[in-house]
């Protein structure tokens, strides 16, 4: 089964799952007003989900072909979207994982995610003070952490990684293997700067990927660096 067919099957499967969930909308968006407390899941197909400030959603939020936006000081169990992006406002709490297929994930200042951050085709951007208890992963996208904490690994296939402003990664940075035949060598840049620290290792698992680790302004890797060139600036 080729990748396009697999992707279509996965999308249809997720759409079917959403249609069998609670409070499902089709071709419409869902709005949760500031201060509301909701105990059941919020799901839609061809629509977006907007959660206001100081909300508490005690179940998951899912959409196909739509985006999810969460306001400041809100708490959401989990976020999942296919074909659009996820944006989480300042000082919000995500109790589960934030997952998207073809979309970026943007977390504003002070957000806490108790699960993983995962996207296939999109960037992951974390504002100042973000804390992620799980791992951060993307296939075709960049990862940018500013003054944040990531407790598990950061994993990428085709994308650059930047840790700045005293960010701390407890786990490893892993450059994963890409499937298929590659005619040219990939280039990945890892920038650790501004007093940021990687407590684990940097591991390159693809011989066709040329990885350069840039250490500047007090950036440090406490573990081993394997398969990458190190440049101290």
C-alpha atoms as a PDB file:
ATOM      1  CA  UNK A   1       0.000   0.000   0.000  1.00  0.00           C
ATOM      2  CA  UNK A   2       1.533   3.332  -1.025  1.00  0.00           C
ATOM      3  CA  UNK A   3       1.716   6.371   1.222  1.00  0.00           C
ATOM      4  CA  UNK A   4      -1.156   8.266  -0.447  1.00  0.00           C
ATOM      5  CA  UNK A   5      -3.544   5.330  -0.020  1.00  0.00           C
ATOM      6  CA  UNK A   6      -2.430   4.803   3.572  1.00  0.00           C
ATOM      7  CA  UNK A   7      -2.979   8.482   4.312  1.00  0.00           C
ATOM      8  CA  UNK A   8      -6.488   8.444   2.795  1.00  0.00           C
ATOM      9  CA  UNK A   9      -7.400   5.330   4.758  1.00  0.00           C
ATOM     10  CA  UNK A  10      -6.109   6.922   7.959  1.00  0.00           C
ATOM     11  CA  UNK A  11      -8.039  10.137   7.298  1.00  0.00           C
ATOM     12  CA  UNK A  12     -11.279   8.255   6.605  1.00  0.00           C
ATOM     13  CA  UNK A  13     -10.737   6.193   9.741  1.00  0.00           C
ATOM     14  CA  UNK A  14     -10.257   9.267  11.897  1.00  0.00           C
ATOM     15  CA  UNK A  15     -13.285  10.927  10.323  1.00  0.00           C
ATOM     16  CA  UNK A  16     -15.390   7.842  11.119  1.00  0.00           C
ATOM     17  CA  UNK A  17     -14.131   7.904  14.682  1.00  0.00           C
ATOM     18  CA  UNK A  18     -15.112  11.542  15.038  1.00  0.00           C
ATOM     19  CA  UNK A  19     -18.571  10.923  13.609  1.00  0.00           C
ATOM     20  CA  UNK A  20     -19.190   8.248  16.248  1.00  0.00           C
ATOM     21  CA  UNK A  21     -18.028  10.465  19.131  1.00  0.00           C
ATOM     22  CA  UNK A  22     -20.087  12.795  21.297  1.00  0.00           C
ATOM     23  CA  UNK A  23     -21.147  16.310  20.247  1.00  0.00           C
ATOM     24  CA  UNK A  24     -20.016  15.996  16.629  1.00  0.00           C
ATOM     25  CA  UNK A  25     -20.434  18.726  14.056  1.00  0.00           C
ATOM     26  CA  UNK A  26     -20.137  18.410  10.268  1.00  0.00           C
ATOM     27  CA  UNK A  27     -19.326  21.443   8.113  1.00  0.00           C
ATOM     28  CA  UNK A  28     -19.521  23.742  11.126  1.00  0.00           C
ATOM     29  CA  UNK A  29     -17.279  25.089  13.842  1.00  0.00           C
ATOM     30  CA  UNK A  30     -17.603  24.653  17.604  1.00  0.00           C
ATOM     31  CA  UNK A  31     -17.284  27.596  19.995  1.00  0.00           C
ATOM     32  CA  UNK A  32     -16.835  27.300  23.770  1.00  0.00           C
ATOM     33  CA  UNK A  33     -17.252  30.639  25.513  1.00  0.00           C
ATOM     34  CA  UNK A  34     -14.905  32.093  28.114  1.00  0.00           C
ATOM     35  CA  UNK A  35     -15.229  30.411  31.508  1.00  0.00           C
ATOM     36  CA  UNK A  36     -17.310  27.434  30.327  1.00  0.00           C
ATOM     37  CA  UNK A  37     -16.814  23.961  31.800  1.00  0.00           C
ATOM     38  CA  UNK A  38     -17.526  21.074  29.413  1.00  0.00           C
ATOM     39  CA  UNK A  39     -17.410  17.401  30.412  1.00  0.00           C
ATOM     40  CA  UNK A  40     -17.852  15.707  26.999  1.00  0.00           C
ATOM     41  CA  UNK A  41     -15.752  15.543  23.827  1.00  0.00           C
ATOM     42  CA  UNK A  42     -15.860  18.177  21.092  1.00  0.00           C
ATOM     43  CA  UNK A  43     -15.459  16.882  17.526  1.00  0.00           C
ATOM     44  CA  UNK A  44     -16.115  18.214  14.051  1.00  0.00           C
ATOM     45  CA  UNK A  45     -15.430  17.459  10.380  1.00  0.00           C
ATOM     46  CA  UNK A  46     -14.739  20.403   8.027  1.00  0.00           C
ATOM     47  CA  UNK A  47     -14.897  22.861  10.892  1.00  0.00           C
ATOM     48  CA  UNK A  48     -12.733  24.399  13.591  1.00  0.00           C
ATOM     49  CA  UNK A  49     -12.883  24.351  17.399  1.00  0.00           C
ATOM     50  CA  UNK A  50     -12.479  27.572  19.363  1.00  0.00           C
ATOM     51  CA  UNK A  51     -12.066  27.351  23.128  1.00  0.00           C
ATOM     52  CA  UNK A  52     -12.108  30.594  25.082  1.00  0.00           C
ATOM     53  CA  UNK A  53     -10.120  31.697  28.112  1.00  0.00           C
ATOM     54  CA  UNK A  54     -10.439  30.130  31.583  1.00  0.00           C
ATOM     55  CA  UNK A  55     -12.302  27.099  30.170  1.00  0.00           C
ATOM     56  CA  UNK A  56     -12.171  23.504  31.387  1.00  0.00           C
ATOM     57  CA  UNK A  57     -12.825  20.768  28.783  1.00  0.00           C
ATOM     58  CA  UNK A  58     -12.656  17.393  30.540  1.00  0.00           C
ATOM     59  CA  UNK A  59     -12.467  15.367  27.316  1.00  0.00           C
ATOM     60  CA  UNK A  60     -10.717  15.390  23.950  1.00  0.00           C
ATOM     61  CA  UNK A  61     -11.130  17.855  21.070  1.00  0.00           C
ATOM     62  CA  UNK A  62     -10.789  16.516  17.527  1.00  0.00           C
ATOM     63  CA  UNK A  63     -11.276  17.851  14.012  1.00  0.00           C
ATOM     64  CA  UNK A  64     -10.671  16.798  10.404  1.00  0.00           C
ATOM     65  CA  UNK A  65      -9.938  19.700   8.005  1.00  0.00           C
ATOM     66  CA  UNK A  66     -10.092  22.337  10.716  1.00  0.00           C
ATOM     67  CA  UNK A  67      -7.981  24.090  13.300  1.00  0.00           C
ATOM     68  CA  UNK A  68      -8.104  24.156  17.100  1.00  0.00           C
ATOM     69  CA  UNK A  69      -7.474  27.296  19.134  1.00  0.00           C
ATOM     70  CA  UNK A  70      -7.338  27.374  22.938  1.00  0.00           C
ATOM     71  CA  UNK A  71      -7.447  30.607  24.939  1.00  0.00           C
ATOM     72  CA  UNK A  72      -5.416  31.608  27.960  1.00  0.00           C
ATOM     73  CA  UNK A  73      -5.650  29.774  31.300  1.00  0.00           C
ATOM     74  CA  UNK A  74      -7.794  26.991  29.831  1.00  0.00           C
ATOM     75  CA  UNK A  75      -7.437  23.259  30.468  1.00  0.00           C
ATOM     76  CA  UNK A  76      -8.061  20.663  27.746  1.00  0.00           C
ATOM     77  CA  UNK A  77      -7.596  16.907  27.998  1.00  0.00           C
ATOM     78  CA  UNK A  78      -6.238  16.276  24.479  1.00  0.00           C
ATOM     79  CA  UNK A  79      -6.101  17.874  21.023  1.00  0.00           C
ATOM     80  CA  UNK A  80      -6.135  16.119  17.656  1.00  0.00           C
ATOM     81  CA  UNK A  81      -6.520  17.554  14.172  1.00  0.00           C
ATOM     82  CA  UNK A  82      -5.957  16.338  10.606  1.00  0.00           C
ATOM     83  CA  UNK A  83      -5.030  18.747   7.769  1.00  0.00           C
ATOM     84  CA  UNK A  84      -4.870  21.950   9.842  1.00  0.00           C
ATOM     85  CA  UNK A  85      -2.953  23.371  12.778  1.00  0.00           C
ATOM     86  CA  UNK A  86      -3.223  23.654  16.550  1.00  0.00           C
ATOM     87  CA  UNK A  87      -2.741  26.919  18.434  1.00  0.00           C
ATOM     88  CA  UNK A  88      -2.793  26.994  22.236  1.00  0.00           C
ATOM     89  CA  UNK A  89      -2.989  30.301  24.109  1.00  0.00           C
ATOM     90  CA  UNK A  90      -0.901  31.628  26.972  1.00  0.00           C
ATOM     91  CA  UNK A  91      -0.869  29.767  30.321  1.00  0.00           C
ATOM     92  CA  UNK A  92      -3.167  26.969  29.063  1.00  0.00           C
ATOM     93  CA  UNK A  93      -2.971  23.337  30.179  1.00  0.00           C
ATOM     94  CA  UNK A  94      -3.317  20.360  27.786  1.00  0.00           C
ATOM     95  CA  UNK A  95      -3.821  17.207  29.863  1.00  0.00           C
ATOM     96  CA  UNK A  96      -3.242  14.786  26.975  1.00  0.00           C
ATOM     97  CA  UNK A  97      -1.358  14.903  23.680  1.00  0.00           C
ATOM     98  CA  UNK A  98      -1.496  17.491  20.888  1.00  0.00           C
ATOM     99  CA  UNK A  99      -1.477  15.735  17.505  1.00  0.00           C
ATOM    100  CA  UNK A 100      -1.893  16.979  13.933  1.00  0.00           C
ATOM    101  CA  UNK A 101      -1.095  15.459  10.521  1.00  0.00           C
ATOM    102  CA  UNK A 102      -0.788  18.316   8.016  1.00  0.00           C
ATOM    103  CA  UNK A 103      -0.544  21.364  10.244  1.00  0.00           C
ATOM    104  CA  UNK A 104       1.718  23.226  12.599  1.00  0.00           C
ATOM    105  CA  UNK A 105       1.486  23.295  16.393  1.00  0.00           C
ATOM    106  CA  UNK A 106       2.010  26.619  18.153  1.00  0.00           C
ATOM    107  CA  UNK A 107       2.040  26.906  21.940  1.00  0.00           C
ATOM    108  CA  UNK A 108       2.114  30.376  23.452  1.00  0.00           C
ATOM    109  CA  UNK A 109       3.777  31.418  26.704  1.00  0.00           C
ATOM    110  CA  UNK A 110       3.313  29.341  29.828  1.00  0.00           C
ATOM    111  CA  UNK A 111       1.469  26.389  28.239  1.00  0.00           C
ATOM    112  CA  UNK A 112       1.768  22.986  29.917  1.00  0.00           C
ATOM    113  CA  UNK A 113       1.244  19.767  27.950  1.00  0.00           C
ATOM    114  CA  UNK A 114       0.969  16.593  30.016  1.00  0.00           C
ATOM    115  CA  UNK A 115       1.345  14.344  26.940  1.00  0.00           C
ATOM    116  CA  UNK A 116       3.199  14.441  23.618  1.00  0.00           C
ATOM    117  CA  UNK A 117       3.440  17.007  20.813  1.00  0.00           C
ATOM    118  CA  UNK A 118       3.320  15.295  17.419  1.00  0.00           C
ATOM    119  CA  UNK A 119       2.890  16.404  13.793  1.00  0.00           C
ATOM    120  CA  UNK A 120       3.746  14.911  10.406  1.00  0.00           C
ATOM    121  CA  UNK A 121       3.918  17.903   8.048  1.00  0.00           C
ATOM    122  CA  UNK A 122       4.266  21.024  10.149  1.00  0.00           C
ATOM    123  CA  UNK A 123       6.459  23.046  12.478  1.00  0.00           C
ATOM    124  CA  UNK A 124       6.319  22.936  16.274  1.00  0.00           C
ATOM    125  CA  UNK A 125       6.809  26.299  17.969  1.00  0.00           C
ATOM    126  CA  UNK A 126       6.806  26.738  21.749  1.00  0.00           C
ATOM    127  CA  UNK A 127       6.731  30.150  23.408  1.00  0.00           C
ATOM    128  CA  UNK A 128       8.514  31.166  26.561  1.00  0.00           C
ATOM    129  CA  UNK A 129       8.011  28.962  29.610  1.00  0.00           C
ATOM    130  CA  UNK A 130       6.282  26.024  27.866  1.00  0.00           C
ATOM    131  CA  UNK A 131       6.554  22.700  29.726  1.00  0.00           C
ATOM    132  CA  UNK A 132       6.019  19.422  27.841  1.00  0.00           C
ATOM    133  CA  UNK A 133       5.905  16.272  29.956  1.00  0.00           C
ATOM    134  CA  UNK A 134       6.107  13.910  26.957  1.00  0.00           C
ATOM    135  CA  UNK A 135       8.067  13.920  23.702  1.00  0.00           C
ATOM    136  CA  UNK A 136       8.124  16.326  20.763  1.00  0.00           C
ATOM    137  CA  UNK A 137       8.105  14.781  17.292  1.00  0.00           C
ATOM    138  CA  UNK A 138       7.728  15.890  13.674  1.00  0.00           C
ATOM    139  CA  UNK A 139       8.555  14.301  10.322  1.00  0.00           C
ATOM    140  CA  UNK A 140       8.714  17.289   7.978  1.00  0.00           C
ATOM    141  CA  UNK A 141       8.970  20.351  10.195  1.00  0.00           C
ATOM    142  CA  UNK A 142      11.170  22.410  12.475  1.00  0.00           C
ATOM    143  CA  UNK A 143      11.127  22.453  16.288  1.00  0.00           C
ATOM    144  CA  UNK A 144      11.655  25.730  18.150  1.00  0.00           C
ATOM    145  CA  UNK A 145      11.737  25.791  21.974  1.00  0.00           C
ATOM    146  CA  UNK A 146      12.193  29.111  23.820  1.00  0.00           C
ATOM    147  CA  UNK A 147      12.918  28.985  27.580  1.00  0.00           C
ATOM    148  CA  UNK A 148      10.970  25.729  27.773  1.00  0.00           C
ATOM    149  CA  UNK A 149      11.261  22.274  29.300  1.00  0.00           C
ATOM    150  CA  UNK A 150      10.835  19.004  27.399  1.00  0.00           C
ATOM    151  CA  UNK A 151      10.914  15.947  29.654  1.00  0.00           C
ATOM    152  CA  UNK A 152      11.291  13.237  26.998  1.00  0.00           C
ATOM    153  CA  UNK A 153      12.878  13.099  23.506  1.00  0.00           C
ATOM    154  CA  UNK A 154      12.770  15.481  20.561  1.00  0.00           C
ATOM    155  CA  UNK A 155      12.538  13.500  17.294  1.00  0.00           C
ATOM    156  CA  UNK A 156      12.670  14.787  13.716  1.00  0.00           C
ATOM    157  CA  UNK A 157      13.228  13.389  10.223  1.00  0.00           C
ATOM    158  CA  UNK A 158      13.495  16.458   7.982  1.00  0.00           C
ATOM    159  CA  UNK A 159      13.699  19.590  10.080  1.00  0.00           C
ATOM    160  CA  UNK A 160      15.913  21.826  12.164  1.00  0.00           C
ATOM    161  CA  UNK A 161      15.852  22.083  15.965  1.00  0.00           C
ATOM    162  CA  UNK A 162      16.476  25.201  18.049  1.00  0.00           C
ATOM    163  CA  UNK A 163      16.695  25.324  21.848  1.00  0.00           C
ATOM    164  CA  UNK A 164      17.176  28.869  23.139  1.00  0.00           C
ATOM    165  CA  UNK A 165      16.905  31.076  26.222  1.00  0.00           C
ATOM    166  CA  UNK A 166      17.818  28.483  28.893  1.00  0.00           C
ATOM    167  CA  UNK A 167      15.637  25.694  27.552  1.00  0.00           C
ATOM    168  CA  UNK A 168      16.139  22.232  29.067  1.00  0.00           C
ATOM    169  CA  UNK A 169      15.701  18.894  27.297  1.00  0.00           C
ATOM    170  CA  UNK A 170      15.822  15.981  29.731  1.00  0.00           C
ATOM    171  CA  UNK A 171      15.740  13.319  27.019  1.00  0.00           C
ATOM    172  CA  UNK A 172      17.600  12.844  23.740  1.00  0.00           C
ATOM    173  CA  UNK A 173      17.539  14.541  20.360  1.00  0.00           C
ATOM    174  CA  UNK A 174      16.965  11.831  17.741  1.00  0.00           C
ATOM    175  CA  UNK A 175      17.312  12.312  13.984  1.00  0.00           C
ATOM    176  CA  UNK A 176      15.243   9.462  12.603  1.00  0.00           C
ATOM    177  CA  UNK A 177      15.629   7.474   9.402  1.00  0.00           C
ATOM    178  CA  UNK A 178      13.549   8.534   6.420  1.00  0.00           C
ATOM    179  CA  UNK A 179      11.899   5.888   4.289  1.00  0.00           C
ATOM    180  CA  UNK A 180      12.339   5.518   0.553  1.00  0.00           C
ATOM    181  CA  UNK A 181      15.262   6.053  -1.800  1.00  0.00           C
ATOM    182  CA  UNK A 182      17.174   9.330  -1.358  1.00  0.00           C
ATOM    183  CA  UNK A 183      19.267  10.857  -4.146  1.00  0.00           C
ATOM    184  CA  UNK A 184      20.867  13.569  -2.049  1.00  0.00           C
ATOM    185  CA  UNK A 185      22.045  13.926   1.515  1.00  0.00           C
ATOM    186  CA  UNK A 186      19.708  15.724   3.885  1.00  0.00           C
ATOM    187  CA  UNK A 187      20.991  18.539   6.061  1.00  0.00           C
ATOM    188  CA  UNK A 188      19.725  19.143   9.590  1.00  0.00           C
ATOM    189  CA  UNK A 189      20.860  21.945  11.903  1.00  0.00           C
ATOM    190  CA  UNK A 190      20.557  21.687  15.681  1.00  0.00           C
ATOM    191  CA  UNK A 191      21.098  24.984  17.496  1.00  0.00           C
ATOM    192  CA  UNK A 192      21.542  25.000  21.271  1.00  0.00           C
ATOM    193  CA  UNK A 193      22.024  28.535  22.494  1.00  0.00           C
ATOM    194  CA  UNK A 194      21.434  31.014  25.303  1.00  0.00           C
ATOM    195  CA  UNK A 195      22.354  28.706  28.174  1.00  0.00           C
ATOM    196  CA  UNK A 196      20.147  25.860  26.977  1.00  0.00           C
ATOM    197  CA  UNK A 197      20.938  22.301  28.056  1.00  0.00           C
ATOM    198  CA  UNK A 198      20.413  18.858  26.513  1.00  0.00           C
ATOM    199  CA  UNK A 199      20.811  16.385  29.368  1.00  0.00           C
ATOM    200  CA  UNK A 200      20.628  13.352  27.081  1.00  0.00           C
ATOM    201  CA  UNK A 201      22.391  12.420  23.842  1.00  0.00           C
ATOM    202  CA  UNK A 202      22.166  13.577  20.251  1.00  0.00           C
ATOM    203  CA  UNK A 203      21.688  10.490  18.071  1.00  0.00           C
ATOM    204  CA  UNK A 204      21.720  10.442  14.262  1.00  0.00           C
ATOM    205  CA  UNK A 205      20.114   7.237  12.989  1.00  0.00           C
ATOM    206  CA  UNK A 206      20.278   7.973   9.256  1.00  0.00           C
ATOM    207  CA  UNK A 207      23.621   7.825   7.435  1.00  0.00           C
ATOM    208  CA  UNK A 208      22.144   9.939   4.604  1.00  0.00           C
ATOM    209  CA  UNK A 209      21.567  12.874   6.942  1.00  0.00           C
ATOM    210  CA  UNK A 210      24.314  15.412   7.613  1.00  0.00           C
ATOM    211  CA  UNK A 211      23.696  16.917  11.030  1.00  0.00           C
ATOM    212  CA  UNK A 212      25.488  19.952  12.411  1.00  0.00           C
ATOM    213  CA  UNK A 213      25.168  20.858  16.102  1.00  0.00           C
ATOM    214  CA  UNK A 214      25.791  24.540  16.826  1.00  0.00           C
ATOM    215  CA  UNK A 215      26.646  25.384  20.448  1.00  0.00           C
ATOM    216  CA  UNK A 216      26.651  29.079  21.321  1.00  0.00           C
ATOM    217  CA  UNK A 217      26.220  31.450  24.264  1.00  0.00           C
ATOM    218  CA  UNK A 218      26.522  28.753  26.900  1.00  0.00           C
ATOM    219  CA  UNK A 219      24.528  26.062  25.075  1.00  0.00           C
ATOM    220  CA  UNK A 220      25.544  22.584  26.240  1.00  0.00           C
ATOM    221  CA  UNK A 221      25.003  18.873  25.598  1.00  0.00           C
ATOM    222  CA  UNK A 222      25.668  16.792  28.717  1.00  0.00           C
ATOM    223  CA  UNK A 223      25.408  13.452  26.932  1.00  0.00           C
ATOM    224  CA  UNK A 224      27.142  12.066  23.849  1.00  0.00           C
ATOM    225  CA  UNK A 225      26.874  13.420  20.304  1.00  0.00           C
ATOM    226  CA  UNK A 226      26.904  10.593  17.778  1.00  0.00           C
ATOM    227  CA  UNK A 227      26.950  10.986  14.003  1.00  0.00           C
ATOM    228  CA  UNK A 228      26.958  14.795  13.960  1.00  0.00           C
ATOM    229  CA  UNK A 229      29.469  17.578  13.468  1.00  0.00           C
ATOM    230  CA  UNK A 230      29.833  20.016  16.375  1.00  0.00           C
ATOM    231  CA  UNK A 231      30.454  23.723  15.788  1.00  0.00           C
ATOM    232  CA  UNK A 232      31.134  25.980  18.771  1.00  0.00           C
ATOM    233  CA  UNK A 233      30.293  29.593  18.050  1.00  0.00           C
END
